[in-house]
Amino acid sequence: MRLGLGTRIIVVSAVALAMAGCGVRGSLEAPAEAKAAGKATSAESADAGSNSAAAPKPHRGFILDGLLR
């Protein structure tokens, strides 16, 4: 049995959409050991926030900063 090109495209697209729907939306969670030790590094821990008493973190340079800033 040979599948036509259109059928192949539909099957591949359906599989890709099904795979893209798997997982949890949002940022990754740090392991419990990293949270307890205060070594959790994630997008949420990168910014102290406007209501935080923590000191702002220094900017780390990146090669694309000229395009992004």
N, C-alpha and C. Protein backbone atom coordinates (compact mmCIF):
# COMPACT_ATOMS: atom_id res chain seq x y z
N MET A 1 0.84 -1.18 0.00
CA MET A 1 0.00 0.00 0.00
C MET A 1 0.89 1.24 0.00
N ARG A 2 0.70 2.09 -0.98
CA ARG A 2 1.48 3.33 -1.07
C ARG A 2 0.59 4.51 -0.76
N LEU A 3 1.11 5.40 0.05
CA LEU A 3 0.36 6.61 0.40
C LEU A 3 0.74 7.73 -0.56
N GLY A 4 -0.24 8.52 -0.93
CA GLY A 4 0.02 9.66 -1.80
C GLY A 4 0.72 10.77 -1.03
N LEU A 5 1.23 11.73 -1.76
CA LEU A 5 1.95 12.85 -1.15
C LEU A 5 1.06 13.63 -0.19
N GLY A 6 -0.18 13.87 -0.58
CA GLY A 6 -1.10 14.61 0.28
C GLY A 6 -1.38 13.89 1.58
N THR A 7 -1.54 12.58 1.50
CA THR A 7 -1.79 11.77 2.70
C THR A 7 -0.58 11.79 3.62
N ARG A 8 0.60 11.71 3.04
CA ARG A 8 1.83 11.76 3.83
C ARG A 8 1.95 13.10 4.57
N ILE A 9 1.65 14.18 3.86
CA ILE A 9 1.73 15.51 4.49
C ILE A 9 0.74 15.63 5.63
N ILE A 10 -0.46 15.12 5.44
CA ILE A 10 -1.48 15.18 6.49
C ILE A 10 -1.06 14.35 7.69
N VAL A 11 -0.51 13.16 7.46
CA VAL A 11 -0.08 12.30 8.57
C VAL A 11 1.08 12.93 9.34
N VAL A 12 2.05 13.45 8.61
CA VAL A 12 3.21 14.09 9.27
C VAL A 12 2.75 15.32 10.04
N SER A 13 1.85 16.10 9.49
CA SER A 13 1.34 17.29 10.19
C SER A 13 0.57 16.90 11.45
N ALA A 14 -0.24 15.86 11.36
CA ALA A 14 -1.01 15.41 12.53
C ALA A 14 -0.08 14.92 13.64
N VAL A 15 0.95 14.18 13.27
CA VAL A 15 1.91 13.70 14.26
C VAL A 15 2.66 14.88 14.88
N ALA A 16 3.06 15.84 14.08
CA ALA A 16 3.78 17.01 14.60
C ALA A 16 2.89 17.81 15.56
N LEU A 17 1.63 18.00 15.22
CA LEU A 17 0.72 18.72 16.11
C LEU A 17 0.48 17.96 17.40
N ALA A 18 0.37 16.66 17.32
CA ALA A 18 0.18 15.85 18.52
C ALA A 18 1.40 15.92 19.43
N MET A 19 2.59 15.88 18.83
CA MET A 19 3.82 15.95 19.63
C MET A 19 3.99 17.35 20.23
N ALA A 20 3.59 18.39 19.52
CA ALA A 20 3.74 19.75 20.02
C ALA A 20 2.80 20.01 21.20
N GLY A 21 1.70 19.28 21.28
CA GLY A 21 0.75 19.47 22.36
C GLY A 21 1.15 18.77 23.64
N CYS A 22 2.19 17.96 23.62
CA CYS A 22 2.61 17.24 24.82
C CYS A 22 3.44 18.17 25.71
N GLY A 23 3.35 17.98 27.00
CA GLY A 23 4.18 18.74 27.92
C GLY A 23 3.38 19.71 28.75
N VAL A 24 4.10 20.48 29.54
CA VAL A 24 3.51 21.44 30.46
C VAL A 24 3.83 22.84 29.97
N ARG A 25 2.84 23.69 29.96
CA ARG A 25 3.07 25.07 29.55
C ARG A 25 3.65 25.85 30.72
N GLY A 26 4.61 26.68 30.45
CA GLY A 26 5.22 27.50 31.49
C GLY A 26 6.69 27.18 31.62
N SER A 27 7.30 27.82 32.59
CA SER A 27 8.73 27.62 32.77
C SER A 27 8.99 26.30 33.47
N LEU A 28 10.20 25.81 33.32
CA LEU A 28 10.59 24.56 33.95
C LEU A 28 10.74 24.77 35.45
N GLU A 29 10.49 23.72 36.20
CA GLU A 29 10.64 23.79 37.64
C GLU A 29 12.02 23.27 38.04
N ALA A 30 12.65 23.97 38.96
CA ALA A 30 13.96 23.53 39.43
C ALA A 30 13.80 22.35 40.37
N PRO A 31 14.81 21.48 40.46
CA PRO A 31 14.75 20.37 41.40
C PRO A 31 14.65 20.88 42.84
N ALA A 32 14.09 20.06 43.73
CA ALA A 32 13.90 20.46 45.12
C ALA A 32 15.23 20.80 45.80
N GLU A 33 16.30 20.07 45.44
CA GLU A 33 17.61 20.35 46.06
C GLU A 33 18.11 21.74 45.68
N ALA A 34 17.90 22.13 44.42
CA ALA A 34 18.36 23.45 43.97
C ALA A 34 17.55 24.56 44.62
N LYS A 35 16.24 24.33 44.77
CA LYS A 35 15.41 25.34 45.44
C LYS A 35 15.83 25.51 46.89
N ALA A 36 16.07 24.40 47.58
CA ALA A 36 16.44 24.45 48.99
C ALA A 36 17.80 25.12 49.18
N ALA A 37 18.73 24.88 48.28
CA ALA A 37 20.07 25.45 48.39
C ALA A 37 20.13 26.88 47.85
N GLY A 38 19.07 27.34 47.21
CA GLY A 38 19.07 28.68 46.64
C GLY A 38 19.85 28.79 45.36
N LYS A 39 20.06 27.69 44.68
CA LYS A 39 20.84 27.69 43.44
C LYS A 39 19.97 27.54 42.20
N ALA A 40 18.67 27.74 42.36
CA ALA A 40 17.76 27.59 41.23
C ALA A 40 17.96 28.74 40.26
N THR A 41 18.26 28.43 39.01
CA THR A 41 18.40 29.47 37.99
C THR A 41 17.37 29.20 36.91
N SER A 42 16.45 30.11 36.77
CA SER A 42 15.41 30.00 35.75
C SER A 42 15.03 31.41 35.33
N ALA A 43 14.15 31.49 34.36
CA ALA A 43 13.71 32.81 33.90
C ALA A 43 13.02 33.57 35.03
N GLU A 44 12.29 32.86 35.89
CA GLU A 44 11.61 33.52 36.99
C GLU A 44 12.57 34.02 38.06
N SER A 45 13.66 33.30 38.29
CA SER A 45 14.60 33.72 39.32
C SER A 45 15.63 34.72 38.77
N ALA A 46 15.60 34.99 37.48
CA ALA A 46 16.56 35.91 36.90
C ALA A 46 16.23 37.37 37.22
N ASP A 47 14.98 37.66 37.45
CA ASP A 47 14.56 39.03 37.72
C ASP A 47 14.01 39.10 39.13
N ALA A 48 14.51 40.06 39.91
CA ALA A 48 14.06 40.20 41.28
C ALA A 48 12.63 40.72 41.36
N GLY A 49 12.17 41.41 40.34
CA GLY A 49 10.81 41.95 40.35
C GLY A 49 10.77 43.35 40.95
N SER A 50 9.69 44.05 40.69
CA SER A 50 9.60 45.44 41.14
C SER A 50 9.32 45.55 42.63
N ASN A 51 8.69 44.55 43.24
CA ASN A 51 8.35 44.62 44.66
C ASN A 51 9.35 43.86 45.53
N SER A 52 10.47 43.45 44.99
CA SER A 52 11.44 42.65 45.72
C SER A 52 12.45 43.52 46.43
N ALA A 53 12.90 43.07 47.59
CA ALA A 53 13.94 43.78 48.33
C ALA A 53 15.33 43.35 47.87
N ALA A 54 15.40 42.34 46.99
CA ALA A 54 16.69 41.85 46.51
C ALA A 54 17.33 42.86 45.57
N ALA A 55 18.64 42.87 45.57
CA ALA A 55 19.38 43.78 44.69
C ALA A 55 19.23 43.31 43.25
N PRO A 56 19.16 44.23 42.28
CA PRO A 56 19.05 43.82 40.88
C PRO A 56 20.31 43.08 40.43
N LYS A 57 20.12 42.11 39.56
CA LYS A 57 21.24 41.33 39.07
C LYS A 57 21.95 42.09 37.96
N PRO A 58 23.28 41.98 37.88
CA PRO A 58 24.01 42.68 36.82
C PRO A 58 23.73 42.06 35.46
N HIS A 59 23.85 42.89 34.43
CA HIS A 59 23.63 42.42 33.07
C HIS A 59 24.82 41.59 32.62
N ARG A 60 24.53 40.41 32.05
CA ARG A 60 25.57 39.58 31.47
C ARG A 60 25.53 39.78 29.96
N GLY A 61 26.64 40.17 29.39
CA GLY A 61 26.71 40.45 27.96
C GLY A 61 26.43 39.22 27.10
N PHE A 62 25.86 39.49 25.92
CA PHE A 62 25.54 38.43 24.97
C PHE A 62 25.87 38.94 23.58
N ILE A 63 26.25 38.07 22.69
CA ILE A 63 26.70 38.47 21.36
C ILE A 63 25.63 39.21 20.56
N LEU A 64 24.35 38.94 20.82
CA LEU A 64 23.28 39.59 20.07
C LEU A 64 22.68 40.79 20.79
N ASP A 65 23.34 41.30 21.81
CA ASP A 65 22.81 42.44 22.56
C ASP A 65 22.55 43.65 21.66
N GLY A 66 23.39 43.85 20.68
CA GLY A 66 23.20 44.99 19.78
C GLY A 66 21.88 44.92 19.02
N LEU A 67 21.43 43.73 18.72
CA LEU A 67 20.16 43.58 18.00
C LEU A 67 18.96 43.58 18.94
N LEU A 68 19.16 43.10 20.17
CA LEU A 68 18.06 42.93 21.10
C LEU A 68 17.76 44.18 21.92
N ARG A 69 18.73 45.03 22.14
CA ARG A 69 18.50 46.21 22.99
C ARG A 69 18.29 47.43 22.17
